[in-house]
Amino acid sequence: MLNENLKNLVIQALEEIKGLEIVCLDVSDQTDISDYMVVASGSTNRQVKALVNNVVVEAKKAGIEPLGVEGLEQGEWVLVDLTDVIVHVMLPMVRDYYDLENLWSMSPGQSEESI
């Protein structure tokens, strides 16, 4: 499956369960571990878990087996590693605290002061 198609599959799976503030970051120029990072929020631990479960189910239907799923027990921040797409689903306060979108929007070699 093409990376672009996998990214779209992930976004659609998150939208089906009413994921909040879904953002896709192209990180292919910043890291070799993945091409895309998708970040979304769930309003409760239960919704975070449901969002992640739907992503995993839809990926498996498409023949993509996740390399790993971390944080599912607590459901505050769950990471799904689909190799070319990494998915982060978090509670809003956890997402605000770690601010991954800002962190990954920095260009290589750019300091925080120059943003």
N, C-alpha and C. Protein backbone atom coordinates (compact mmCIF):
# COMPACT_ATOMS: atom_id res chain seq x y z
N MET A 1 0.85 -1.18 0.00
CA MET A 1 0.00 0.00 0.00
C MET A 1 0.89 1.24 0.00
N LEU A 2 0.56 2.20 -0.82
CA LEU A 2 1.32 3.44 -0.86
C LEU A 2 1.16 4.21 0.44
N ASN A 3 2.22 4.93 0.82
CA ASN A 3 2.20 5.70 2.07
C ASN A 3 1.03 6.68 2.11
N GLU A 4 0.77 7.32 0.98
CA GLU A 4 -0.33 8.30 0.88
C GLU A 4 -1.67 7.62 1.15
N ASN A 5 -1.84 6.42 0.60
CA ASN A 5 -3.09 5.67 0.82
C ASN A 5 -3.23 5.24 2.28
N LEU A 6 -2.13 4.82 2.89
CA LEU A 6 -2.16 4.43 4.30
C LEU A 6 -2.51 5.62 5.18
N LYS A 7 -1.91 6.76 4.87
CA LYS A 7 -2.22 8.00 5.61
C LYS A 7 -3.70 8.31 5.51
N ASN A 8 -4.26 8.22 4.32
CA ASN A 8 -5.68 8.49 4.12
C ASN A 8 -6.56 7.48 4.84
N LEU A 9 -6.15 6.22 4.85
CA LEU A 9 -6.89 5.18 5.57
C LEU A 9 -6.93 5.51 7.07
N VAL A 10 -5.80 5.93 7.62
CA VAL A 10 -5.72 6.27 9.04
C VAL A 10 -6.65 7.44 9.36
N ILE A 11 -6.59 8.47 8.54
CA ILE A 11 -7.42 9.65 8.77
C ILE A 11 -8.89 9.29 8.70
N GLN A 12 -9.26 8.48 7.72
CA GLN A 12 -10.66 8.05 7.60
C GLN A 12 -11.10 7.24 8.81
N ALA A 13 -10.23 6.34 9.28
CA ALA A 13 -10.56 5.52 10.46
C ALA A 13 -10.77 6.39 11.69
N LEU A 14 -9.97 7.44 11.83
CA LEU A 14 -10.12 8.36 12.96
C LEU A 14 -11.40 9.18 12.83
N GLU A 15 -11.72 9.61 11.62
CA GLU A 15 -12.93 10.39 11.39
C GLU A 15 -14.19 9.58 11.66
N GLU A 16 -14.15 8.28 11.37
CA GLU A 16 -15.31 7.40 11.59
C GLU A 16 -15.71 7.36 13.06
N ILE A 17 -14.75 7.49 13.97
CA ILE A 17 -15.01 7.43 15.40
C ILE A 17 -15.01 8.83 16.01
N LYS A 18 -15.12 9.82 15.15
CA LYS A 18 -15.22 11.22 15.58
C LYS A 18 -13.97 11.71 16.30
N GLY A 19 -12.81 11.36 15.77
CA GLY A 19 -11.56 11.89 16.31
C GLY A 19 -11.54 13.40 16.22
N LEU A 20 -10.93 14.04 17.19
CA LEU A 20 -10.90 15.50 17.26
C LEU A 20 -9.57 16.04 16.77
N GLU A 21 -9.61 17.18 16.10
CA GLU A 21 -8.41 17.92 15.68
C GLU A 21 -7.37 17.00 15.04
N ILE A 22 -7.76 16.30 14.01
CA ILE A 22 -6.86 15.39 13.30
C ILE A 22 -5.89 16.22 12.46
N VAL A 23 -4.61 15.98 12.68
CA VAL A 23 -3.56 16.70 11.96
C VAL A 23 -2.60 15.67 11.38
N CYS A 24 -2.22 15.88 10.12
CA CYS A 24 -1.23 15.01 9.49
C CYS A 24 0.01 15.82 9.19
N LEU A 25 1.15 15.33 9.66
CA LEU A 25 2.43 16.00 9.44
C LEU A 25 3.29 15.15 8.51
N ASP A 26 3.83 15.76 7.48
CA ASP A 26 4.77 15.09 6.60
C ASP A 26 6.15 15.24 7.25
N VAL A 27 6.68 14.15 7.77
CA VAL A 27 7.96 14.19 8.48
C VAL A 27 9.06 13.48 7.69
N SER A 28 8.81 13.24 6.42
CA SER A 28 9.76 12.48 5.60
C SER A 28 11.11 13.19 5.45
N ASP A 29 11.13 14.52 5.54
CA ASP A 29 12.39 15.26 5.45
C ASP A 29 13.11 15.35 6.79
N GLN A 30 12.43 14.97 7.87
CA GLN A 30 13.00 15.12 9.21
C GLN A 30 13.48 13.81 9.83
N THR A 31 12.96 12.69 9.34
CA THR A 31 13.33 11.41 9.94
C THR A 31 13.23 10.29 8.92
N ASP A 32 13.98 9.24 9.14
CA ASP A 32 13.92 8.07 8.27
C ASP A 32 12.96 7.01 8.81
N ILE A 33 12.43 7.22 10.00
CA ILE A 33 11.59 6.19 10.61
C ILE A 33 10.17 6.15 10.05
N SER A 34 9.71 7.26 9.48
CA SER A 34 8.34 7.33 8.99
C SER A 34 8.19 8.48 8.01
N ASP A 35 7.16 8.40 7.17
CA ASP A 35 6.88 9.49 6.24
C ASP A 35 5.84 10.46 6.79
N TYR A 36 4.86 9.91 7.52
CA TYR A 36 3.78 10.74 8.05
C TYR A 36 3.57 10.47 9.52
N MET A 37 3.16 11.50 10.22
CA MET A 37 2.74 11.39 11.60
C MET A 37 1.33 11.98 11.68
N VAL A 38 0.40 11.18 12.16
CA VAL A 38 -0.97 11.63 12.31
C VAL A 38 -1.24 11.78 13.80
N VAL A 39 -1.74 12.96 14.19
CA VAL A 39 -2.03 13.26 15.59
C VAL A 39 -3.52 13.56 15.69
N ALA A 40 -4.17 12.97 16.68
CA ALA A 40 -5.60 13.20 16.90
C ALA A 40 -5.90 13.15 18.39
N SER A 41 -7.04 13.68 18.75
CA SER A 41 -7.47 13.65 20.15
C SER A 41 -8.77 12.89 20.28
N GLY A 42 -8.95 12.31 21.45
CA GLY A 42 -10.21 11.71 21.85
C GLY A 42 -10.63 12.39 23.14
N SER A 43 -11.92 12.59 23.31
CA SER A 43 -12.38 13.36 24.47
C SER A 43 -12.31 12.59 25.78
N THR A 44 -12.26 11.26 25.72
CA THR A 44 -12.15 10.43 26.92
C THR A 44 -11.18 9.28 26.65
N ASN A 45 -10.74 8.61 27.71
CA ASN A 45 -9.87 7.43 27.55
C ASN A 45 -10.56 6.38 26.68
N ARG A 46 -11.85 6.22 26.88
CA ARG A 46 -12.61 5.23 26.12
C ARG A 46 -12.60 5.58 24.63
N GLN A 47 -12.77 6.87 24.30
CA GLN A 47 -12.75 7.26 22.90
C GLN A 47 -11.35 7.11 22.30
N VAL A 48 -10.32 7.45 23.05
CA VAL A 48 -8.95 7.26 22.58
C VAL A 48 -8.74 5.79 22.20
N LYS A 49 -9.17 4.89 23.07
CA LYS A 49 -9.02 3.46 22.79
C LYS A 49 -9.82 3.03 21.58
N ALA A 50 -11.04 3.56 21.43
CA ALA A 50 -11.89 3.23 20.28
C ALA A 50 -11.28 3.74 18.98
N LEU A 51 -10.72 4.93 19.01
CA LEU A 51 -10.06 5.49 17.83
C LEU A 51 -8.90 4.60 17.40
N VAL A 52 -8.07 4.23 18.36
CA VAL A 52 -6.91 3.39 18.06
C VAL A 52 -7.36 2.02 17.55
N ASN A 53 -8.34 1.44 18.20
CA ASN A 53 -8.82 0.12 17.76
C ASN A 53 -9.34 0.18 16.33
N ASN A 54 -10.03 1.26 15.96
CA ASN A 54 -10.53 1.37 14.60
C ASN A 54 -9.38 1.52 13.60
N VAL A 55 -8.36 2.27 13.95
CA VAL A 55 -7.18 2.39 13.08
C VAL A 55 -6.54 1.03 12.86
N VAL A 56 -6.37 0.27 13.93
CA VAL A 56 -5.75 -1.05 13.83
C VAL A 56 -6.60 -2.00 12.99
N VAL A 57 -7.90 -2.00 13.21
CA VAL A 57 -8.80 -2.88 12.45
C VAL A 57 -8.76 -2.53 10.96
N GLU A 58 -8.85 -1.24 10.65
CA GLU A 58 -8.85 -0.83 9.24
C GLU A 58 -7.49 -1.11 8.58
N ALA A 59 -6.42 -0.93 9.31
CA ALA A 59 -5.09 -1.24 8.76
C ALA A 59 -4.97 -2.73 8.47
N LYS A 60 -5.43 -3.56 9.39
CA LYS A 60 -5.36 -5.01 9.18
C LYS A 60 -6.22 -5.44 8.00
N LYS A 61 -7.38 -4.81 7.83
CA LYS A 61 -8.23 -5.12 6.66
C LYS A 61 -7.49 -4.82 5.36
N ALA A 62 -6.63 -3.80 5.39
CA ALA A 62 -5.86 -3.41 4.21
C ALA A 62 -4.56 -4.21 4.08
N GLY A 63 -4.34 -5.16 4.99
CA GLY A 63 -3.16 -5.99 4.93
C GLY A 63 -1.94 -5.41 5.62
N ILE A 64 -2.14 -4.37 6.44
CA ILE A 64 -1.04 -3.74 7.17
C ILE A 64 -1.12 -4.17 8.64
N GLU A 65 -0.11 -4.85 9.08
CA GLU A 65 -0.04 -5.28 10.48
C GLU A 65 0.77 -4.24 11.26
N PRO A 66 0.20 -3.63 12.30
CA PRO A 66 0.96 -2.66 13.09
C PRO A 66 2.21 -3.29 13.69
N LEU A 67 3.32 -2.53 13.67
CA LEU A 67 4.54 -3.01 14.32
C LEU A 67 4.38 -3.00 15.83
N GLY A 68 3.56 -2.06 16.32
CA GLY A 68 3.34 -1.98 17.76
C GLY A 68 2.26 -0.99 18.09
N VAL A 69 1.66 -1.21 19.26
CA VAL A 69 0.67 -0.29 19.83
C VAL A 69 1.09 -0.09 21.28
N GLU A 70 1.36 1.16 21.65
CA GLU A 70 1.84 1.46 23.00
C GLU A 70 0.87 2.41 23.70
N GLY A 71 0.60 2.14 24.99
CA GLY A 71 -0.20 3.05 25.81
C GLY A 71 -1.68 2.75 25.83
N LEU A 72 -2.09 1.65 25.25
CA LEU A 72 -3.52 1.35 25.14
C LEU A 72 -4.18 1.11 26.50
N GLU A 73 -3.44 0.58 27.45
CA GLU A 73 -4.04 0.31 28.77
C GLU A 73 -4.57 1.57 29.44
N GLN A 74 -3.76 2.61 29.49
CA GLN A 74 -4.18 3.85 30.13
C GLN A 74 -5.09 4.67 29.22
N GLY A 75 -4.81 4.68 27.94
CA GLY A 75 -5.63 5.41 27.00
C GLY A 75 -5.49 6.92 27.07
N GLU A 76 -4.37 7.40 27.61
CA GLU A 76 -4.13 8.85 27.64
C GLU A 76 -3.37 9.29 26.40
N TRP A 77 -2.38 8.50 26.00
CA TRP A 77 -1.61 8.74 24.79
C TRP A 77 -1.28 7.36 24.23
N VAL A 78 -1.84 7.08 23.07
CA VAL A 78 -1.61 5.79 22.43
C VAL A 78 -0.89 6.02 21.12
N LEU A 79 0.17 5.27 20.89
CA LEU A 79 0.94 5.34 19.66
C LEU A 79 0.73 4.05 18.87
N VAL A 80 0.44 4.20 17.58
CA VAL A 80 0.32 3.05 16.69
C VAL A 80 1.40 3.21 15.62
N ASP A 81 2.28 2.23 15.53
CA ASP A 81 3.37 2.26 14.55
C ASP A 81 2.97 1.43 13.35
N LEU A 82 2.66 2.10 12.25
CA LEU A 82 2.33 1.43 11.01
C LEU A 82 3.49 1.57 10.01
N THR A 83 4.68 1.72 10.51
CA THR A 83 5.93 1.89 9.77
C THR A 83 5.97 3.23 9.04
N ASP A 84 5.27 3.36 7.92
CA ASP A 84 5.34 4.59 7.14
C ASP A 84 4.43 5.69 7.68
N VAL A 85 3.52 5.31 8.56
CA VAL A 85 2.63 6.26 9.23
C VAL A 85 2.63 5.93 10.72
N ILE A 86 2.94 6.93 11.53
CA ILE A 86 2.87 6.77 12.98
C ILE A 86 1.68 7.57 13.46
N VAL A 87 0.86 6.95 14.28
CA VAL A 87 -0.38 7.56 14.74
C VAL A 87 -0.28 7.81 16.24
N HIS A 88 -0.58 9.05 16.65
CA HIS A 88 -0.64 9.42 18.06
C HIS A 88 -2.08 9.84 18.36
N VAL A 89 -2.72 9.17 19.30
CA VAL A 89 -4.06 9.57 19.72
C VAL A 89 -3.98 9.86 21.21
N MET A 90 -4.40 11.08 21.59
CA MET A 90 -4.20 11.54 22.96
C MET A 90 -5.43 12.23 23.52
N LEU A 91 -5.47 12.29 24.84
CA LEU A 91 -6.43 13.16 25.50
C LEU A 91 -5.98 14.61 25.25
N PRO A 92 -6.90 15.56 25.17
CA PRO A 92 -6.53 16.94 24.87
C PRO A 92 -5.47 17.54 25.79
N MET A 93 -5.54 17.28 27.10
CA MET A 93 -4.54 17.90 27.98
C MET A 93 -3.16 17.30 27.78
N VAL A 94 -3.08 16.03 27.42
CA VAL A 94 -1.79 15.40 27.13
C VAL A 94 -1.24 15.96 25.81
N ARG A 95 -2.12 16.12 24.85
CA ARG A 95 -1.70 16.67 23.56
C ARG A 95 -1.19 18.10 23.70
N ASP A 96 -1.89 18.90 24.49
CA ASP A 96 -1.45 20.28 24.72
C ASP A 96 -0.09 20.31 25.40
N TYR A 97 0.11 19.42 26.36
CA TYR A 97 1.36 19.40 27.12
C TYR A 97 2.56 19.06 26.24
N TYR A 98 2.43 18.01 25.42
CA TYR A 98 3.57 17.56 24.61
C TYR A 98 3.70 18.31 23.29
N ASP A 99 2.63 18.87 22.79
CA ASP A 99 2.65 19.75 21.61
C ASP A 99 3.49 19.18 20.46
N LEU A 100 3.17 17.95 20.06
CA LEU A 100 3.94 17.29 19.00
C LEU A 100 3.91 18.04 17.68
N GLU A 101 2.80 18.67 17.36
CA GLU A 101 2.71 19.40 16.10
C GLU A 101 3.77 20.49 16.03
N ASN A 102 3.96 21.22 17.10
CA ASN A 102 4.97 22.27 17.13
C ASN A 102 6.38 21.67 17.10
N LEU A 103 6.58 20.63 17.86
CA LEU A 103 7.88 19.97 17.91
C LEU A 103 8.31 19.48 16.53
N TRP A 104 7.42 18.82 15.80
CA TRP A 104 7.76 18.26 14.51
C TRP A 104 7.66 19.28 13.38
N SER A 105 7.18 20.48 13.65
CA SER A 105 7.12 21.49 12.61
C SER A 105 8.44 22.25 12.50
N MET A 106 9.33 22.05 13.47
CA MET A 106 10.63 22.71 13.43
C MET A 106 11.49 22.06 12.36
N SER A 107 12.14 22.86 11.57
CA SER A 107 13.05 22.35 10.54
C SER A 107 14.34 21.86 11.19
N PRO A 108 15.01 20.88 10.56
CA PRO A 108 16.29 20.44 11.11
C PRO A 108 17.26 21.60 11.25
N GLY A 109 17.93 21.68 12.37
CA GLY A 109 18.89 22.75 12.61
C GLY A 109 18.29 24.04 13.09
N GLN A 110 16.96 24.12 13.16
CA GLN A 110 16.29 25.34 13.59
C GLN A 110 16.14 25.32 15.11
N SER A 111 16.53 26.37 15.76
CA SER A 111 16.40 26.41 17.21
C SER A 111 15.01 26.89 17.58
N GLU A 112 14.62 26.62 18.81
CA GLU A 112 13.28 27.01 19.27
C GLU A 112 13.11 28.52 19.23
N GLU A 113 14.15 29.27 19.49
CA GLU A 113 14.06 30.73 19.51
C GLU A 113 13.73 31.31 18.13
N SER A 114 14.11 30.62 17.07
CA SER A 114 13.92 31.19 15.74
C SER A 114 12.56 30.89 15.13
N ILE A 115 11.69 30.29 15.88
CA ILE A 115 10.36 29.94 15.37
C ILE A 115 9.49 31.17 15.30
